[in-house]
N, C-alpha and C. Protein backbone atom coordinates (compact mmCIF):
# COMPACT_ATOMS: atom_id res chain seq x y z
N UNK A 1 0.85 -1.18 0.00
CA UNK A 1 0.00 0.00 0.00
C UNK A 1 0.89 1.23 0.00
N UNK A 2 0.67 2.12 -0.96
CA UNK A 2 1.39 3.38 -1.01
C UNK A 2 0.98 4.24 0.19
N UNK A 3 1.83 5.22 0.50
CA UNK A 3 1.55 6.08 1.64
C UNK A 3 0.45 7.08 1.30
N UNK A 4 -0.55 7.13 2.14
CA UNK A 4 -1.67 8.05 1.97
C UNK A 4 -1.28 9.38 2.58
N UNK A 5 -1.47 10.45 1.83
CA UNK A 5 -1.20 11.80 2.30
C UNK A 5 -2.54 12.53 2.39
N UNK A 6 -2.80 13.15 3.54
CA UNK A 6 -4.02 13.95 3.70
C UNK A 6 -3.62 15.41 3.82
N UNK A 7 -4.39 16.25 3.14
CA UNK A 7 -4.09 17.69 3.15
C UNK A 7 -5.38 18.48 3.00
N UNK A 8 -5.29 19.75 3.36
CA UNK A 8 -6.42 20.64 3.13
C UNK A 8 -6.60 20.83 1.63
N UNK A 9 -7.84 20.83 1.21
CA UNK A 9 -8.17 20.96 -0.21
C UNK A 9 -7.91 22.39 -0.69
N UNK A 10 -7.67 22.51 -1.98
CA UNK A 10 -7.54 23.80 -2.64
C UNK A 10 -8.69 23.94 -3.64
N UNK A 11 -8.95 25.14 -4.13
CA UNK A 11 -10.02 25.29 -5.12
C UNK A 11 -9.84 24.39 -6.35
N UNK A 12 -8.60 24.10 -6.72
CA UNK A 12 -8.36 23.21 -7.87
C UNK A 12 -8.87 21.79 -7.63
N UNK A 13 -9.10 21.42 -6.36
CA UNK A 13 -9.56 20.08 -6.02
C UNK A 13 -11.08 19.93 -6.11
N UNK A 14 -11.79 21.04 -6.29
CA UNK A 14 -13.25 21.00 -6.27
C UNK A 14 -13.82 19.97 -7.26
N UNK A 15 -13.40 19.91 -8.52
CA UNK A 15 -13.99 18.92 -9.44
C UNK A 15 -13.83 17.47 -8.97
N UNK A 16 -12.65 17.13 -8.45
CA UNK A 16 -12.43 15.75 -7.99
C UNK A 16 -13.28 15.47 -6.75
N UNK A 17 -13.36 16.44 -5.84
CA UNK A 17 -14.17 16.26 -4.63
C UNK A 17 -15.64 16.05 -5.00
N UNK A 18 -16.13 16.83 -5.94
CA UNK A 18 -17.52 16.68 -6.39
C UNK A 18 -17.74 15.33 -7.05
N UNK A 19 -16.78 14.90 -7.84
CA UNK A 19 -16.89 13.60 -8.52
C UNK A 19 -16.93 12.47 -7.50
N UNK A 20 -16.06 12.52 -6.49
CA UNK A 20 -16.05 11.48 -5.46
C UNK A 20 -17.36 11.47 -4.67
N UNK A 21 -17.82 12.66 -4.31
CA UNK A 21 -19.07 12.76 -3.56
C UNK A 21 -20.24 12.23 -4.38
N UNK A 22 -20.26 12.57 -5.65
CA UNK A 22 -21.34 12.11 -6.54
C UNK A 22 -21.31 10.60 -6.69
N UNK A 23 -20.13 10.03 -6.84
CA UNK A 23 -20.00 8.58 -7.01
C UNK A 23 -20.49 7.82 -5.78
N UNK A 24 -20.40 8.45 -4.61
CA UNK A 24 -20.85 7.80 -3.38
C UNK A 24 -22.27 8.14 -2.99
N UNK A 25 -22.99 8.82 -3.86
CA UNK A 25 -24.36 9.23 -3.56
C UNK A 25 -25.22 7.99 -3.27
N UNK A 26 -25.93 8.02 -2.15
CA UNK A 26 -26.71 6.86 -1.71
C UNK A 26 -27.94 6.59 -2.58
N UNK A 27 -28.28 7.51 -3.46
CA UNK A 27 -29.45 7.28 -4.33
C UNK A 27 -29.16 6.28 -5.43
N UNK A 28 -27.89 5.93 -5.62
CA UNK A 28 -27.53 4.93 -6.63
C UNK A 28 -27.99 5.31 -8.01
N UNK A 29 -28.74 4.43 -8.66
CA UNK A 29 -29.18 4.66 -10.04
C UNK A 29 -30.08 5.89 -10.16
N UNK A 30 -30.69 6.32 -9.07
CA UNK A 30 -31.56 7.50 -9.10
C UNK A 30 -30.79 8.81 -8.94
N UNK A 31 -29.47 8.72 -8.80
CA UNK A 31 -28.66 9.92 -8.67
C UNK A 31 -28.62 10.66 -10.01
N UNK A 32 -28.99 11.95 -9.99
CA UNK A 32 -28.91 12.70 -11.26
C UNK A 32 -27.47 12.71 -11.77
N UNK A 33 -27.30 12.75 -13.08
CA UNK A 33 -25.94 12.76 -13.63
C UNK A 33 -25.17 14.01 -13.20
N UNK A 34 -23.87 13.87 -13.10
CA UNK A 34 -22.99 14.99 -12.77
C UNK A 34 -22.31 15.43 -14.06
N UNK A 35 -22.52 16.65 -14.44
CA UNK A 35 -21.95 17.17 -15.68
C UNK A 35 -20.72 18.00 -15.36
N UNK A 36 -19.56 17.62 -15.88
CA UNK A 36 -18.33 18.38 -15.62
C UNK A 36 -18.44 19.86 -15.97
N UNK A 37 -19.33 20.21 -16.88
CA UNK A 37 -19.50 21.62 -17.22
C UNK A 37 -20.03 22.42 -16.03
N UNK A 38 -20.67 21.73 -15.08
CA UNK A 38 -21.20 22.41 -13.90
C UNK A 38 -20.13 22.70 -12.85
N UNK A 39 -18.94 22.11 -12.98
CA UNK A 39 -17.90 22.33 -11.98
C UNK A 39 -17.53 23.80 -11.85
N UNK A 40 -17.73 24.56 -12.89
CA UNK A 40 -17.39 25.98 -12.84
C UNK A 40 -18.51 26.84 -12.28
N UNK A 41 -19.61 26.22 -11.86
CA UNK A 41 -20.71 26.97 -11.26
C UNK A 41 -20.16 27.73 -10.05
N UNK A 42 -20.33 29.05 -9.99
CA UNK A 42 -19.74 29.84 -8.91
C UNK A 42 -20.24 29.47 -7.51
N UNK A 43 -21.36 28.77 -7.42
CA UNK A 43 -21.86 28.36 -6.10
C UNK A 43 -20.92 27.37 -5.43
N UNK A 44 -20.26 26.51 -6.22
CA UNK A 44 -19.30 25.57 -5.63
C UNK A 44 -18.13 26.33 -5.03
N UNK A 45 -17.59 27.28 -5.77
CA UNK A 45 -16.45 28.05 -5.26
C UNK A 45 -16.87 28.90 -4.06
N UNK A 46 -18.06 29.45 -4.10
CA UNK A 46 -18.55 30.24 -2.97
C UNK A 46 -18.65 29.38 -1.71
N UNK A 47 -19.20 28.17 -1.85
CA UNK A 47 -19.30 27.26 -0.70
C UNK A 47 -17.92 26.86 -0.21
N UNK A 48 -17.02 26.55 -1.14
CA UNK A 48 -15.65 26.20 -0.78
C UNK A 48 -15.01 27.33 0.02
N UNK A 49 -15.13 28.56 -0.48
CA UNK A 49 -14.52 29.71 0.20
C UNK A 49 -15.12 29.93 1.59
N UNK A 50 -16.43 29.75 1.71
CA UNK A 50 -17.08 29.93 3.01
C UNK A 50 -16.59 28.88 4.01
N UNK A 51 -16.50 27.64 3.57
CA UNK A 51 -16.04 26.56 4.45
C UNK A 51 -14.60 26.80 4.88
N UNK A 52 -13.73 27.08 3.93
CA UNK A 52 -12.30 27.19 4.25
C UNK A 52 -11.94 28.49 4.96
N UNK A 53 -12.82 29.49 4.93
CA UNK A 53 -12.57 30.74 5.64
C UNK A 53 -12.75 30.59 7.15
N UNK A 54 -13.45 29.56 7.57
CA UNK A 54 -13.75 29.35 8.98
C UNK A 54 -12.84 28.24 9.52
N UNK A 55 -11.97 28.55 10.49
CA UNK A 55 -11.05 27.52 11.00
C UNK A 55 -11.74 26.36 11.71
N UNK A 56 -13.04 26.47 11.93
CA UNK A 56 -13.79 25.36 12.54
C UNK A 56 -14.21 24.32 11.51
N UNK A 57 -13.88 24.56 10.24
CA UNK A 57 -14.25 23.63 9.18
C UNK A 57 -13.05 23.38 8.28
N UNK A 58 -12.91 22.13 7.86
CA UNK A 58 -11.81 21.76 6.95
C UNK A 58 -12.31 20.84 5.87
N UNK A 59 -11.93 21.12 4.65
CA UNK A 59 -12.15 20.22 3.52
C UNK A 59 -10.82 19.52 3.26
N UNK A 60 -10.84 18.21 3.25
CA UNK A 60 -9.62 17.41 3.18
C UNK A 60 -9.66 16.52 1.94
N UNK A 61 -8.52 16.37 1.30
CA UNK A 61 -8.38 15.37 0.24
C UNK A 61 -7.28 14.39 0.65
N UNK A 62 -7.44 13.16 0.21
CA UNK A 62 -6.46 12.11 0.46
C UNK A 62 -5.81 11.75 -0.87
N UNK A 63 -4.48 11.71 -0.88
CA UNK A 63 -3.74 11.46 -2.11
C UNK A 63 -2.84 10.25 -1.98
N UNK A 64 -2.71 9.56 -3.11
CA UNK A 64 -1.73 8.49 -3.28
C UNK A 64 -0.90 8.89 -4.49
N UNK A 65 0.38 9.04 -4.28
CA UNK A 65 1.28 9.41 -5.38
C UNK A 65 0.76 10.63 -6.16
N UNK A 66 0.24 11.63 -5.42
CA UNK A 66 -0.24 12.86 -6.04
C UNK A 66 -1.62 12.79 -6.65
N UNK A 67 -2.28 11.63 -6.59
CA UNK A 67 -3.60 11.46 -7.17
C UNK A 67 -4.64 11.40 -6.05
N UNK A 68 -5.68 12.20 -6.14
CA UNK A 68 -6.71 12.24 -5.11
C UNK A 68 -7.56 10.98 -5.18
N UNK A 69 -7.64 10.27 -4.05
CA UNK A 69 -8.42 9.04 -3.97
C UNK A 69 -9.52 9.10 -2.91
N UNK A 70 -9.58 10.21 -2.16
CA UNK A 70 -10.60 10.33 -1.13
C UNK A 70 -10.80 11.77 -0.72
N UNK A 71 -11.92 12.00 -0.05
CA UNK A 71 -12.25 13.33 0.44
C UNK A 71 -13.11 13.21 1.69
N UNK A 72 -13.11 14.26 2.49
CA UNK A 72 -13.96 14.34 3.66
C UNK A 72 -14.01 15.78 4.15
N UNK A 73 -14.94 16.06 5.03
CA UNK A 73 -15.04 17.36 5.68
C UNK A 73 -15.08 17.14 7.18
N UNK A 74 -14.36 17.98 7.91
CA UNK A 74 -14.37 17.97 9.37
C UNK A 74 -14.92 19.32 9.83
N UNK A 75 -15.83 19.28 10.80
CA UNK A 75 -16.30 20.51 11.45
C UNK A 75 -16.14 20.32 12.95
N UNK A 76 -15.64 21.35 13.59
CA UNK A 76 -15.48 21.35 15.04
C UNK A 76 -16.62 22.19 15.62
N UNK A 77 -17.46 21.55 16.45
CA UNK A 77 -18.69 22.17 16.93
C UNK A 77 -18.60 22.37 18.44
N UNK A 78 -18.61 23.63 18.90
CA UNK A 78 -18.63 23.86 20.34
C UNK A 78 -20.02 23.56 20.89
N UNK A 79 -20.09 23.22 22.14
CA UNK A 79 -21.37 22.94 22.77
C UNK A 79 -21.35 23.27 24.25
N UNK A 80 -22.50 23.45 24.84
CA UNK A 80 -22.60 23.70 26.28
C UNK A 80 -22.63 22.42 27.11
N UNK A 81 -23.33 21.35 26.67
CA UNK A 81 -23.37 20.14 27.49
C UNK A 81 -21.97 19.56 27.74
N UNK A 82 -21.88 18.74 28.75
CA UNK A 82 -20.63 18.07 29.11
C UNK A 82 -19.50 19.07 29.33
N UNK A 83 -19.82 20.10 30.11
CA UNK A 83 -18.84 21.12 30.49
C UNK A 83 -18.25 21.83 29.27
N UNK A 84 -19.08 22.07 28.26
CA UNK A 84 -18.63 22.79 27.08
C UNK A 84 -17.85 21.94 26.10
N UNK A 85 -18.08 20.64 26.12
CA UNK A 85 -17.33 19.73 25.24
C UNK A 85 -17.54 20.07 23.77
N UNK A 86 -16.47 20.12 23.05
CA UNK A 86 -16.49 20.31 21.60
C UNK A 86 -16.62 18.94 20.93
N UNK A 87 -17.36 18.90 19.82
CA UNK A 87 -17.53 17.66 19.06
C UNK A 87 -16.93 17.83 17.67
N UNK A 88 -16.38 16.78 17.15
CA UNK A 88 -15.95 16.77 15.75
C UNK A 88 -17.05 16.14 14.92
N UNK A 89 -17.39 16.78 13.83
CA UNK A 89 -18.41 16.26 12.91
C UNK A 89 -17.72 15.86 11.62
N UNK A 90 -17.85 14.60 11.26
CA UNK A 90 -17.25 14.04 10.06
C UNK A 90 -18.34 13.95 9.00
N UNK A 91 -18.08 14.55 7.84
CA UNK A 91 -19.07 14.62 6.77
C UNK A 91 -18.46 14.24 5.43
N UNK A 92 -19.31 13.80 4.52
CA UNK A 92 -18.95 13.63 3.12
C UNK A 92 -17.68 12.80 2.93
N UNK A 93 -17.61 11.68 3.62
CA UNK A 93 -16.44 10.79 3.52
C UNK A 93 -16.62 9.91 2.28
N UNK A 94 -15.66 10.00 1.36
CA UNK A 94 -15.74 9.19 0.15
C UNK A 94 -14.35 8.74 -0.26
N UNK A 95 -14.25 7.47 -0.64
CA UNK A 95 -13.02 6.90 -1.19
C UNK A 95 -13.36 6.43 -2.60
N UNK A 96 -12.48 6.71 -3.53
CA UNK A 96 -12.71 6.30 -4.92
C UNK A 96 -12.96 4.80 -4.97
N UNK A 97 -13.91 4.38 -5.77
CA UNK A 97 -14.36 2.98 -5.82
C UNK A 97 -13.22 2.00 -6.01
N UNK A 98 -12.25 2.32 -6.86
CA UNK A 98 -11.17 1.38 -7.13
C UNK A 98 -10.14 1.32 -5.99
N UNK A 99 -10.34 2.10 -4.94
CA UNK A 99 -9.44 2.06 -3.78
C UNK A 99 -10.16 1.63 -2.49
N UNK A 100 -11.45 1.32 -2.60
CA UNK A 100 -12.18 0.85 -1.42
C UNK A 100 -11.66 -0.53 -1.05
N UNK A 101 -11.60 -0.80 0.25
CA UNK A 101 -11.09 -2.07 0.73
C UNK A 101 -9.58 -2.09 0.85
N UNK A 102 -8.93 -0.97 0.55
CA UNK A 102 -7.47 -0.88 0.58
C UNK A 102 -6.92 -0.45 1.93
N UNK A 103 -7.81 -0.03 2.84
CA UNK A 103 -7.37 0.50 4.12
C UNK A 103 -7.26 2.02 4.13
N UNK A 104 -7.44 2.64 2.97
CA UNK A 104 -7.32 4.10 2.90
C UNK A 104 -8.46 4.79 3.65
N UNK A 105 -9.68 4.27 3.55
CA UNK A 105 -10.80 4.85 4.28
C UNK A 105 -10.56 4.81 5.78
N UNK A 106 -10.07 3.69 6.26
CA UNK A 106 -9.74 3.55 7.68
C UNK A 106 -8.68 4.56 8.08
N UNK A 107 -7.65 4.70 7.26
CA UNK A 107 -6.58 5.66 7.56
C UNK A 107 -7.13 7.08 7.58
N UNK A 108 -8.04 7.41 6.66
CA UNK A 108 -8.63 8.74 6.62
C UNK A 108 -9.43 9.03 7.88
N UNK A 109 -10.24 8.07 8.32
CA UNK A 109 -11.06 8.28 9.51
C UNK A 109 -10.18 8.34 10.76
N UNK A 110 -9.19 7.49 10.85
CA UNK A 110 -8.29 7.53 12.02
C UNK A 110 -7.52 8.85 12.06
N UNK A 111 -7.10 9.36 10.92
CA UNK A 111 -6.44 10.67 10.85
C UNK A 111 -7.38 11.76 11.33
N UNK A 112 -8.66 11.67 10.90
CA UNK A 112 -9.65 12.66 11.29
C UNK A 112 -9.90 12.62 12.80
N UNK A 113 -9.97 11.44 13.37
CA UNK A 113 -10.15 11.31 14.82
C UNK A 113 -8.98 11.98 15.54
N UNK A 114 -7.77 11.76 15.06
CA UNK A 114 -6.59 12.39 15.67
C UNK A 114 -6.67 13.91 15.55
N UNK A 115 -7.14 14.42 14.41
CA UNK A 115 -7.30 15.87 14.24
C UNK A 115 -8.33 16.42 15.23
N UNK A 116 -9.41 15.68 15.45
CA UNK A 116 -10.44 16.10 16.40
C UNK A 116 -9.89 16.11 17.82
N UNK A 117 -9.12 15.11 18.17
CA UNK A 117 -8.49 15.09 19.50
C UNK A 117 -7.60 16.32 19.67
N UNK A 118 -6.79 16.57 18.67
CA UNK A 118 -5.86 17.70 18.72
C UNK A 118 -6.62 19.03 18.85
N UNK A 119 -7.82 19.11 18.27
CA UNK A 119 -8.64 20.32 18.35
C UNK A 119 -9.40 20.42 19.66
N UNK A 120 -9.25 19.42 20.54
CA UNK A 120 -9.90 19.46 21.84
C UNK A 120 -11.30 18.87 21.87
N UNK A 121 -11.66 18.10 20.87
CA UNK A 121 -12.98 17.48 20.83
C UNK A 121 -13.05 16.30 21.79
N UNK A 122 -14.21 16.11 22.41
CA UNK A 122 -14.42 14.98 23.30
C UNK A 122 -15.13 13.83 22.62
N UNK A 123 -15.62 14.06 21.41
CA UNK A 123 -16.26 12.99 20.64
C UNK A 123 -16.22 13.35 19.15
N UNK A 124 -16.41 12.32 18.33
CA UNK A 124 -16.53 12.49 16.89
C UNK A 124 -17.86 11.87 16.49
N UNK A 125 -18.62 12.58 15.70
CA UNK A 125 -19.91 12.06 15.26
C UNK A 125 -20.03 12.17 13.76
N UNK A 126 -20.94 11.40 13.21
CA UNK A 126 -21.19 11.44 11.77
C UNK A 126 -22.59 10.93 11.51
N UNK A 127 -23.07 11.21 10.33
CA UNK A 127 -24.33 10.61 9.87
C UNK A 127 -24.02 9.81 8.63
N UNK A 128 -24.83 8.82 8.38
CA UNK A 128 -24.68 7.99 7.20
C UNK A 128 -26.08 7.60 6.73
N UNK A 129 -26.32 7.71 5.45
CA UNK A 129 -27.62 7.37 4.91
C UNK A 129 -27.99 5.95 5.31
N UNK A 130 -29.25 5.75 5.69
CA UNK A 130 -29.70 4.46 6.19
C UNK A 130 -29.49 3.31 5.19
N UNK A 131 -29.43 3.60 3.90
CA UNK A 131 -29.28 2.53 2.91
C UNK A 131 -27.83 2.10 2.74
N UNK A 132 -26.88 2.79 3.35
CA UNK A 132 -25.45 2.49 3.14
C UNK A 132 -24.95 1.49 4.20
N UNK A 133 -25.46 0.28 4.14
CA UNK A 133 -25.13 -0.73 5.16
C UNK A 133 -23.64 -1.07 5.18
N UNK A 134 -22.96 -1.06 4.03
CA UNK A 134 -21.51 -1.30 4.03
C UNK A 134 -20.78 -0.22 4.81
N UNK A 135 -21.20 1.02 4.63
CA UNK A 135 -20.59 2.13 5.36
C UNK A 135 -20.85 1.98 6.87
N UNK A 136 -22.04 1.53 7.24
CA UNK A 136 -22.35 1.36 8.66
C UNK A 136 -21.45 0.30 9.29
N UNK A 137 -21.23 -0.80 8.59
CA UNK A 137 -20.32 -1.83 9.10
C UNK A 137 -18.89 -1.28 9.21
N UNK A 138 -18.49 -0.50 8.22
CA UNK A 138 -17.16 0.12 8.23
C UNK A 138 -16.99 1.01 9.47
N UNK A 139 -17.95 1.89 9.73
CA UNK A 139 -17.84 2.79 10.89
C UNK A 139 -17.89 2.01 12.20
N UNK A 140 -18.70 0.97 12.26
CA UNK A 140 -18.77 0.15 13.48
C UNK A 140 -17.42 -0.52 13.75
N UNK A 141 -16.76 -1.01 12.70
CA UNK A 141 -15.43 -1.62 12.89
C UNK A 141 -14.42 -0.62 13.43
N UNK A 142 -14.64 0.67 13.16
CA UNK A 142 -13.73 1.71 13.65
C UNK A 142 -14.12 2.22 15.04
N UNK A 143 -15.16 1.62 15.64
CA UNK A 143 -15.54 1.98 17.00
C UNK A 143 -16.72 2.92 17.12
N UNK A 144 -17.28 3.36 16.00
CA UNK A 144 -18.46 4.23 16.08
C UNK A 144 -19.67 3.40 16.47
N UNK A 145 -20.54 3.99 17.29
CA UNK A 145 -21.73 3.32 17.78
C UNK A 145 -22.95 4.14 17.36
N UNK A 146 -23.96 3.47 16.83
CA UNK A 146 -25.20 4.15 16.42
C UNK A 146 -26.04 4.44 17.67
N UNK A 147 -25.80 5.59 18.28
CA UNK A 147 -26.45 5.93 19.55
C UNK A 147 -27.68 6.80 19.39
N UNK A 148 -27.84 7.45 18.23
CA UNK A 148 -28.92 8.40 18.03
C UNK A 148 -29.62 8.11 16.70
N UNK A 149 -30.85 8.55 16.60
CA UNK A 149 -31.60 8.51 15.34
C UNK A 149 -31.51 9.91 14.74
N UNK A 150 -31.14 10.01 13.46
CA UNK A 150 -31.00 11.30 12.82
C UNK A 150 -32.27 11.70 12.08
N UNK A 151 -32.49 13.01 12.00
CA UNK A 151 -33.64 13.55 11.28
C UNK A 151 -33.18 14.70 10.41
N UNK A 152 -33.82 14.85 9.26
CA UNK A 152 -33.51 15.96 8.36
C UNK A 152 -34.82 16.56 7.88
N UNK A 153 -34.78 17.83 7.63
CA UNK A 153 -35.91 18.55 7.06
C UNK A 153 -35.41 19.30 5.85
N UNK A 154 -35.82 18.90 4.67
CA UNK A 154 -35.40 19.58 3.44
C UNK A 154 -36.09 20.93 3.36
N UNK A 155 -35.33 21.95 3.05
CA UNK A 155 -35.89 23.31 2.91
C UNK A 155 -35.85 23.76 1.46
């Protein structure tokens, strides 16, 4: 296994990050197509800039030999409960299909947990679409426990 390098994303990484996220969309065959011509939509760059301007949020890419094979987002969330404990929120974790099962996803999540510890977080949480049973088994193997039921309201 080549050495996995994790780094903060740059605007040039946006197309690959979108492609990885789209490939992992839980809707499967019902996922609308992703058109590369849309990568230049200014809303993507605006969202990227907003996320990266706040030190409580990080967009990360994982590289093997200079090629991006994974992506994720970390958010550090302050809270009042548990004596003001901060939580790490792990979002949009995706590994390129041809690299799944290689241990890279595990390395990415373990790296993220270490980053959350370093940021003073007392826990790391994530959500995963209910249909992604492989992902649920993956997170359980890494020590995550399904302790809460999640809810979303589309606006």
